[in-house]
Amino acid sequence: MTGIIRYLGRSALSWVEVTRAVLGVVSLSLNTFVLKFAKGSSATRSVLFKQIYFTGFEALPIISWIALILGLIIVTQIVNILPKLGAEGLIGEIFVWVVIREIGPVFASVIVIARSGTAIASELGAMKISRELTALEVMGIDTMHYLIAPRVIGTAISVFVLTFYFEIVAILGGYLLAGFGQNIAFSVYINSILEAMSFLEVAVSLLKSLLFGLIIGAVCSYYGLTVERSITQIPQKTTKAVIGSLRLVFVVDAVITFIFFI
């Protein structure tokens, strides 16, 4: 019993320490972006745009088919269950509750963690082992400004855009069933969703996406920088980056949902 308590205590302290470090990375990245990005070099802007291209643009195909299938599945379940309960009028509201409030930002974040979060952690880990970070510091280049901030901000922008895109494609995917399978007019389907959707739902969804993007970029950058001398630490730290990102994303998601909708 004592061993279990000690283990839980160490885990809690470790989690608090990582969270504190991640908040520091987010704060420094935002500060660097706001104060220094406009005065930064073209090389820094190039890192930011490449991160947005890799994390956002190249993720569009996988985001598209996942959102399409999920939209179709959700509407299938709604259309099959609600009529039996005499609640056909809640189709739009339930779709908004499920997709806009939760699934959109969470699924976009999970996909980004799997694709880009792992890449950020492993890339920074490899750069640290090969002493590229040390070389940059010797040349007087601020690694936070040149490497970390563009990745964190680029990831946040990408998750923001991908969440919005995911939700639109999921709505269109739902219409594939509602329109062609249930003979529901497109205008009726869209109006039911728009009537159920308020500014609060959209604002909270996009707020989640921005925070999730900052968390993913910061957590993966932090773990990538904790790689020391052994190359075998790269996959270990990458795994920790994925787990840490998922943990914080779900915790923040629960907190925001509780604040705004409960």
Protein backbone atom coordinates (compact mmCIF):
# COMPACT_ATOMS: atom_id res chain seq x y z
CA MET A 1 0.00 0.00 0.00
CA THR A 2 2.84 2.38 0.87
CA GLY A 3 4.49 1.60 -2.46
CA ILE A 4 1.31 2.48 -4.34
CA ILE A 5 1.01 5.80 -2.49
CA ARG A 6 4.64 6.62 -3.24
CA TYR A 7 4.15 5.78 -6.91
CA LEU A 8 1.04 7.96 -7.14
CA GLY A 9 2.85 10.77 -5.35
CA ARG A 10 5.84 10.61 -7.69
CA SER A 11 3.52 10.49 -10.72
CA ALA A 12 1.57 13.51 -9.50
CA LEU A 13 4.73 15.52 -8.83
CA SER A 14 6.14 14.56 -12.23
CA TRP A 15 2.90 15.56 -13.94
CA VAL A 16 2.87 18.92 -12.14
CA GLU A 17 6.49 19.56 -13.11
CA VAL A 18 5.83 18.74 -16.77
CA THR A 19 2.69 20.91 -16.80
CA ARG A 20 4.66 23.80 -15.33
CA ALA A 21 7.40 23.40 -17.93
CA VAL A 22 4.85 23.22 -20.74
CA LEU A 23 3.16 26.40 -19.55
CA GLY A 24 6.58 28.05 -19.57
CA VAL A 25 7.17 26.96 -23.18
CA VAL A 26 3.73 28.25 -24.22
CA SER A 27 4.34 31.58 -22.47
CA LEU A 28 7.77 32.05 -24.03
CA SER A 29 6.49 31.06 -27.46
CA LEU A 30 3.62 33.54 -27.33
CA ASN A 31 5.92 36.26 -26.00
CA THR A 32 8.47 35.55 -28.73
CA PHE A 33 5.80 35.46 -31.42
CA VAL A 34 4.18 38.73 -30.36
CA LEU A 35 7.32 40.74 -29.63
CA LYS A 36 9.93 39.32 -31.97
CA PHE A 37 8.27 37.63 -34.93
CA ALA A 38 7.66 40.84 -36.88
CA LYS A 39 11.33 41.73 -36.43
CA GLY A 40 12.53 38.18 -37.04
CA SER A 41 14.49 36.90 -39.98
CA SER A 42 13.05 35.27 -43.05
CA ALA A 43 14.51 31.99 -41.79
CA THR A 44 12.27 32.10 -38.70
CA ARG A 45 9.21 32.86 -40.80
CA SER A 46 10.18 30.01 -43.10
CA VAL A 47 10.20 27.58 -40.15
CA LEU A 48 6.72 28.79 -39.15
CA PHE A 49 5.28 28.45 -42.66
CA LYS A 50 6.84 25.01 -43.12
CA GLN A 51 5.33 23.90 -39.82
CA ILE A 52 1.89 25.13 -40.89
CA TYR A 53 2.28 23.42 -44.26
CA PHE A 54 3.33 20.09 -42.74
CA THR A 55 0.92 20.11 -39.79
CA GLY A 56 -2.06 21.72 -41.51
CA PHE A 57 -2.07 21.41 -45.27
CA GLU A 58 -0.62 17.90 -45.50
CA ALA A 59 -3.12 16.64 -42.90
CA LEU A 60 -6.14 17.67 -44.99
CA PRO A 61 -6.57 14.30 -46.78
CA ILE A 62 -6.70 12.21 -43.60
CA ILE A 63 -8.81 14.85 -41.84
CA SER A 64 -11.24 14.83 -44.78
CA TRP A 65 -12.03 11.13 -44.88
CA ILE A 66 -12.14 10.73 -41.10
CA ALA A 67 -14.52 13.70 -40.74
CA LEU A 68 -16.65 12.45 -43.63
CA ILE A 69 -17.01 8.96 -42.17
CA LEU A 70 -17.65 10.24 -38.64
CA GLY A 71 -20.31 12.65 -39.84
CA LEU A 72 -22.04 9.85 -41.69
CA ILE A 73 -21.83 7.50 -38.68
CA ILE A 74 -23.15 10.11 -36.22
CA VAL A 75 -26.13 11.03 -38.40
CA THR A 76 -26.84 7.32 -38.96
CA GLN A 77 -27.13 6.75 -35.23
CA ILE A 78 -29.15 9.94 -34.68
CA VAL A 79 -31.61 9.15 -37.48
CA ASN A 80 -32.08 5.57 -36.24
CA ILE A 81 -32.52 6.35 -32.53
CA LEU A 82 -34.34 9.69 -32.21
CA PRO A 83 -37.48 8.81 -34.22
CA LYS A 84 -38.08 5.89 -31.86
CA LEU A 85 -38.06 8.36 -28.97
CA GLY A 86 -40.21 10.89 -30.77
CA ALA A 87 -37.38 13.44 -30.74
CA GLU A 88 -36.69 14.03 -34.43
CA GLY A 89 -36.40 17.77 -33.76
CA LEU A 90 -33.22 17.23 -31.75
CA ILE A 91 -31.16 15.95 -34.70
CA GLY A 92 -29.45 19.31 -35.28
CA GLU A 93 -28.85 19.94 -31.58
CA ILE A 94 -27.29 16.54 -30.94
CA PHE A 95 -25.07 16.89 -34.01
CA VAL A 96 -23.86 20.27 -32.75
CA TRP A 97 -23.29 18.94 -29.22
CA VAL A 98 -21.29 15.98 -30.46
CA VAL A 99 -19.33 17.38 -33.42
CA ILE A 100 -18.92 21.10 -32.80
CA ARG A 101 -18.44 21.01 -29.04
CA GLU A 102 -16.29 17.90 -28.68
CA ILE A 103 -15.35 15.69 -31.61
CA GLY A 104 -14.14 18.46 -33.94
CA PRO A 105 -11.35 19.94 -31.78
CA VAL A 106 -10.49 16.64 -30.07
CA PHE A 107 -10.16 14.54 -33.23
CA ALA A 108 -8.23 17.25 -35.06
CA SER A 109 -5.84 17.38 -32.10
CA VAL A 110 -5.42 13.60 -31.95
CA ILE A 111 -4.56 13.49 -35.66
CA VAL A 112 -2.04 16.33 -35.25
CA ILE A 113 -0.45 14.56 -32.27
CA ALA A 114 -0.08 11.36 -34.28
CA ARG A 115 1.32 13.08 -37.37
CA SER A 116 3.13 16.22 -36.30
CA GLY A 117 3.61 15.94 -32.55
CA THR A 118 5.75 12.85 -32.96
CA ALA A 119 7.71 14.56 -35.72
CA ILE A 120 8.41 17.64 -33.57
CA ALA A 121 9.62 15.59 -30.59
CA SER A 122 11.82 13.27 -32.63
CA GLU A 123 13.25 16.08 -34.78
CA LEU A 124 14.25 18.24 -31.80
CA GLY A 125 15.63 15.17 -30.02
CA ALA A 126 17.76 14.29 -33.02
CA MET A 127 18.98 17.89 -33.30
CA LYS A 128 20.00 17.89 -29.66
CA ILE A 129 21.91 14.62 -29.92
CA SER A 130 23.74 15.81 -33.04
CA ARG A 131 24.61 19.04 -31.15
CA GLU A 132 22.82 21.23 -33.68
CA LEU A 133 21.16 23.16 -30.86
CA THR A 134 24.54 23.79 -29.25
CA ALA A 135 25.92 25.00 -32.59
CA LEU A 136 23.01 27.44 -32.98
CA GLU A 137 23.59 28.82 -29.47
CA VAL A 138 27.32 29.22 -30.16
CA MET A 139 26.45 31.25 -33.27
CA GLY A 140 24.27 33.49 -31.09
CA ILE A 141 20.95 32.23 -32.49
CA ASP A 142 18.07 32.13 -30.02
CA THR A 143 16.73 28.57 -30.28
CA MET A 144 13.43 29.59 -28.68
CA HIS A 145 12.90 32.22 -31.36
CA TYR A 146 14.21 30.14 -34.26
CA LEU A 147 13.07 26.59 -33.44
CA ILE A 148 10.54 26.33 -30.62
CA ALA A 149 8.19 29.31 -31.03
CA PRO A 150 7.54 28.73 -34.78
CA ARG A 151 6.68 25.08 -34.09
CA VAL A 152 4.35 25.87 -31.20
CA ILE A 153 2.59 28.75 -32.97
CA GLY A 154 2.48 26.86 -36.28
CA THR A 155 0.87 23.87 -34.57
CA ALA A 156 -1.72 26.09 -32.87
CA ILE A 157 -2.67 27.78 -36.14
CA SER A 158 -2.89 24.41 -37.90
CA VAL A 159 -5.13 22.82 -35.26
CA PHE A 160 -7.37 25.90 -35.34
CA VAL A 161 -7.83 25.65 -39.12
CA LEU A 162 -8.13 21.85 -39.15
CA THR A 163 -10.84 21.94 -36.48
CA PHE A 164 -12.94 24.35 -38.53
CA TYR A 165 -12.37 22.24 -41.66
CA PHE A 166 -13.14 18.99 -39.79
CA GLU A 167 -16.49 20.31 -38.60
CA ILE A 168 -17.54 21.51 -42.06
CA VAL A 169 -16.63 18.17 -43.68
CA ALA A 170 -18.39 16.24 -40.89
CA ILE A 171 -21.57 18.26 -41.52
CA LEU A 172 -21.34 17.48 -45.24
CA GLY A 173 -20.67 13.82 -44.44
CA GLY A 174 -23.82 13.73 -42.34
CA TYR A 175 -25.80 15.09 -45.26
CA LEU A 176 -24.69 12.16 -47.44
CA LEU A 177 -26.96 9.99 -45.32
CA ALA A 178 -29.60 12.55 -44.39
CA GLY A 179 -29.99 13.76 -47.96
CA PHE A 180 -29.57 10.65 -50.07
CA GLY A 181 -30.58 8.00 -47.54
CA GLN A 182 -33.43 9.77 -45.75
CA ASN A 183 -34.50 12.17 -48.52
CA ILE A 184 -34.01 15.23 -46.33
CA ALA A 185 -33.54 18.48 -48.25
CA PHE A 186 -30.14 20.13 -47.86
CA SER A 187 -31.73 23.41 -46.75
CA VAL A 188 -33.73 21.62 -44.04
CA TYR A 189 -30.64 19.72 -42.85
CA ILE A 190 -28.45 22.83 -42.71
CA ASN A 191 -31.14 24.96 -41.08
CA SER A 192 -31.62 22.38 -38.32
CA ILE A 193 -27.91 22.57 -37.53
CA LEU A 194 -27.68 26.37 -37.78
CA GLU A 195 -30.70 26.82 -35.52
CA ALA A 196 -29.09 24.60 -32.90
CA MET A 197 -25.68 26.23 -33.25
CA SER A 198 -24.98 29.37 -31.25
CA PHE A 199 -22.00 31.70 -31.25
CA LEU A 200 -20.94 30.17 -27.94
CA GLU A 201 -20.59 26.68 -29.43
CA VAL A 202 -18.43 27.92 -32.30
CA ALA A 203 -16.33 30.21 -30.09
CA VAL A 204 -15.66 27.49 -27.51
CA SER A 205 -14.81 24.97 -30.23
CA LEU A 206 -12.25 27.32 -31.77
CA LEU A 207 -10.92 28.30 -28.33
CA LYS A 208 -10.34 24.62 -27.60
CA SER A 209 -8.54 24.17 -30.90
CA LEU A 210 -6.15 27.07 -30.20
CA LEU A 211 -5.36 25.82 -26.69
CA PHE A 212 -4.95 22.24 -27.88
CA GLY A 213 -2.55 23.38 -30.61
CA LEU A 214 -0.44 25.33 -28.12
CA ILE A 215 -0.41 22.34 -25.76
CA ILE A 216 0.62 19.88 -28.48
CA GLY A 217 3.42 22.09 -29.80
CA ALA A 218 4.72 22.90 -26.32
CA VAL A 219 4.55 19.35 -24.91
CA CYS A 220 6.24 17.78 -27.94
CA SER A 221 8.92 20.48 -28.03
CA TYR A 222 9.56 20.07 -24.30
CA TYR A 223 10.03 16.30 -24.53
CA GLY A 224 12.16 16.64 -27.63
CA LEU A 225 14.49 18.98 -25.73
CA THR A 226 14.75 16.56 -22.79
CA VAL A 227 16.61 14.03 -24.93
CA GLU A 228 20.16 13.84 -23.63
CA ARG A 229 22.97 11.76 -25.10
CA SER A 230 21.51 8.43 -26.19
CA ILE A 231 19.69 8.05 -29.49
CA THR A 232 17.49 5.39 -27.88
CA GLN A 233 15.89 8.17 -25.85
CA ILE A 234 14.28 9.66 -28.96
CA PRO A 235 11.49 7.04 -29.30
CA GLN A 236 11.05 7.01 -25.52
CA LYS A 237 10.62 10.77 -25.31
CA THR A 238 8.40 10.75 -28.40
CA THR A 239 6.10 8.25 -26.72
CA LYS A 240 6.01 10.40 -23.59
CA ALA A 241 5.24 13.44 -25.76
CA VAL A 242 2.24 11.67 -27.29
CA ILE A 243 0.92 10.48 -23.92
CA GLY A 244 1.52 13.87 -22.30
CA SER A 245 -0.20 15.72 -25.15
CA LEU A 246 -3.24 13.45 -25.05
CA ARG A 247 -3.48 13.73 -21.28
CA LEU A 248 -3.40 17.52 -21.26
CA VAL A 249 -5.73 17.84 -24.24
CA PHE A 250 -8.41 15.72 -22.55
CA VAL A 251 -7.97 17.46 -19.20
CA VAL A 252 -8.25 20.94 -20.76
CA ASP A 253 -11.20 19.77 -22.87
CA ALA A 254 -13.03 18.59 -19.73
CA VAL A 255 -12.27 21.84 -17.88
CA ILE A 256 -13.48 24.08 -20.73
CA THR A 257 -16.64 22.01 -21.22
CA PHE A 258 -17.37 22.21 -17.52
CA ILE A 259 -16.85 25.98 -17.43
CA PHE A 260 -19.01 26.84 -20.44
CA PHE A 261 -21.67 24.13 -20.66
CA ILE A 262 -22.30 22.78 -17.15
